[in-house]
């Protein structure tokens, strides 16, 4: 699991930088992509935290957090990116799903912290 979270964090960070560059160089909607890139980077860092916490083994809460962050990154940033690049309004429907997954991930991370034994 740790390798998955680290790889996903790296890819999320890369995607955040790439989207930022695309905004500047391709003339996509900067306001939408600024939000997408910010949330990608935040959740790439969150995945690194999940990887660090999972070094001794990932409990259910960490697995939920990691997968929720990863799926949320794809849905949230993906929806905003497609909308920005193509203008296809239906792509925005993925954004609240991604946001909900982010919130689930944060709650699962909190659950892990509360339940963790020293």
Protein backbone atom coordinates (compact mmCIF):
# COMPACT_ATOMS: atom_id res chain seq x y z
CA UNK A 1 0.00 0.00 0.00
CA UNK A 2 2.75 2.47 0.89
CA UNK A 3 4.23 2.30 -2.61
CA UNK A 4 0.80 2.95 -4.14
CA UNK A 5 0.24 6.05 -2.01
CA UNK A 6 3.72 7.43 -2.71
CA UNK A 7 3.34 6.83 -6.45
CA UNK A 8 -0.12 8.40 -6.45
CA UNK A 9 1.21 11.40 -4.52
CA UNK A 10 3.98 11.84 -7.07
CA UNK A 11 1.57 11.61 -9.97
CA UNK A 12 -0.83 14.03 -8.26
CA UNK A 13 1.94 16.56 -7.71
CA UNK A 14 3.05 16.15 -11.32
CA UNK A 15 -0.52 16.64 -12.55
CA UNK A 16 -0.88 19.79 -10.44
CA UNK A 17 2.22 21.32 -12.00
CA UNK A 18 1.25 20.18 -15.50
CA UNK A 19 -2.24 21.67 -15.17
CA UNK A 20 -0.75 24.91 -13.92
CA UNK A 21 1.46 25.04 -16.99
CA UNK A 22 -1.44 24.16 -19.29
CA UNK A 23 -3.44 27.01 -17.82
CA UNK A 24 -0.71 29.46 -18.72
CA UNK A 25 0.31 28.07 -22.10
CA UNK A 26 -2.94 26.74 -23.56
CA UNK A 27 -5.26 29.51 -22.46
CA UNK A 28 -7.58 27.29 -20.47
CA UNK A 29 -9.88 28.78 -17.84
CA UNK A 30 -7.42 29.88 -15.15
CA UNK A 31 -9.99 30.18 -12.36
CA UNK A 32 -11.14 26.56 -12.72
CA UNK A 33 -7.67 25.12 -13.10
CA UNK A 34 -6.27 27.12 -10.20
CA UNK A 35 -8.78 25.37 -7.97
CA UNK A 36 -8.02 21.98 -9.54
CA UNK A 37 -4.24 22.38 -9.19
CA UNK A 38 -4.49 23.59 -5.60
CA UNK A 39 -6.65 20.64 -4.56
CA UNK A 40 -4.44 18.20 -6.45
CA UNK A 41 -1.37 19.42 -4.62
CA UNK A 42 -3.08 19.42 -1.21
CA UNK A 43 -4.23 15.86 -1.69
CA UNK A 44 -0.92 14.69 -3.11
CA UNK A 45 0.57 15.83 0.19
CA UNK A 46 -2.25 14.11 2.07
CA UNK A 47 -1.40 10.87 0.25
CA UNK A 48 2.20 11.22 1.41
CA UNK A 49 0.90 11.49 4.97
CA UNK A 50 -1.18 8.35 4.45
CA UNK A 51 1.93 6.57 3.15
CA UNK A 52 3.93 7.63 6.21
CA UNK A 53 1.21 6.51 8.60
CA UNK A 54 0.85 3.20 6.73
CA UNK A 55 4.50 2.21 7.05
CA UNK A 56 3.67 -0.08 9.95
CA UNK A 57 0.61 -1.44 8.14
CA UNK A 58 -2.50 0.22 6.80
CA UNK A 59 -5.65 -0.20 8.84
CA UNK A 60 -9.10 0.16 7.29
CA UNK A 61 -9.22 3.90 8.02
CA UNK A 62 -5.95 4.54 6.16
CA UNK A 63 -7.08 2.44 3.23
CA UNK A 64 -10.31 4.41 3.02
CA UNK A 65 -8.40 7.70 3.32
CA UNK A 66 -5.88 6.79 0.63
CA UNK A 67 -8.37 5.49 -1.90
CA UNK A 68 -10.77 8.36 -1.21
CA UNK A 69 -8.03 10.95 -1.73
CA UNK A 70 -6.90 9.25 -4.94
CA UNK A 71 -10.39 8.87 -6.39
CA UNK A 72 -11.26 12.40 -5.29
CA UNK A 73 -8.21 13.76 -7.11
CA UNK A 74 -9.29 12.08 -10.31
CA UNK A 75 -12.94 13.11 -10.05
CA UNK A 76 -12.49 16.66 -8.74
CA UNK A 77 -9.49 17.81 -10.74
CA UNK A 78 -10.48 15.69 -13.73
CA UNK A 79 -13.94 17.20 -13.92
CA UNK A 80 -12.66 20.75 -13.64
CA UNK A 81 -9.88 20.10 -16.15
CA UNK A 82 -12.21 18.63 -18.76
CA UNK A 83 -14.64 21.50 -18.25
CA UNK A 84 -11.85 24.04 -18.61
CA UNK A 85 -10.28 22.43 -21.66
CA UNK A 86 -13.43 21.57 -23.58
CA UNK A 87 -16.25 23.63 -22.13
CA UNK A 88 -18.27 20.41 -21.70
CA UNK A 89 -20.51 21.37 -18.78
CA UNK A 90 -21.43 17.76 -17.94
CA UNK A 91 -17.83 17.18 -16.82
CA UNK A 92 -18.49 19.44 -13.85
CA UNK A 93 -20.81 16.75 -12.43
CA UNK A 94 -17.73 14.82 -11.27
CA UNK A 95 -16.55 17.73 -9.12
CA UNK A 96 -18.97 17.32 -6.17
CA UNK A 97 -18.30 13.58 -6.21
CA UNK A 98 -14.60 14.32 -5.92
CA UNK A 99 -15.21 16.83 -3.14
CA UNK A 100 -17.28 14.29 -1.24
CA UNK A 101 -14.49 11.74 -1.61
CA UNK A 102 -12.00 14.29 -0.26
CA UNK A 103 -14.17 14.82 2.81
CA UNK A 104 -14.50 11.05 3.32
CA UNK A 105 -10.73 10.77 3.11
CA UNK A 106 -10.18 13.48 5.72
CA UNK A 107 -12.73 11.90 8.05
CA UNK A 108 -11.07 8.50 7.62
CA UNK A 109 -7.69 10.04 8.40
CA UNK A 110 -9.17 11.60 11.54
CA UNK A 111 -10.69 8.22 12.45
CA UNK A 112 -7.25 6.63 12.10
CA UNK A 113 -5.79 9.27 14.42
CA UNK A 114 -8.43 8.79 17.07
CA UNK A 115 -8.23 5.00 17.01
CA UNK A 116 -4.44 4.75 16.77
CA UNK A 117 -2.73 3.15 19.74
CA UNK A 118 0.60 4.69 20.86
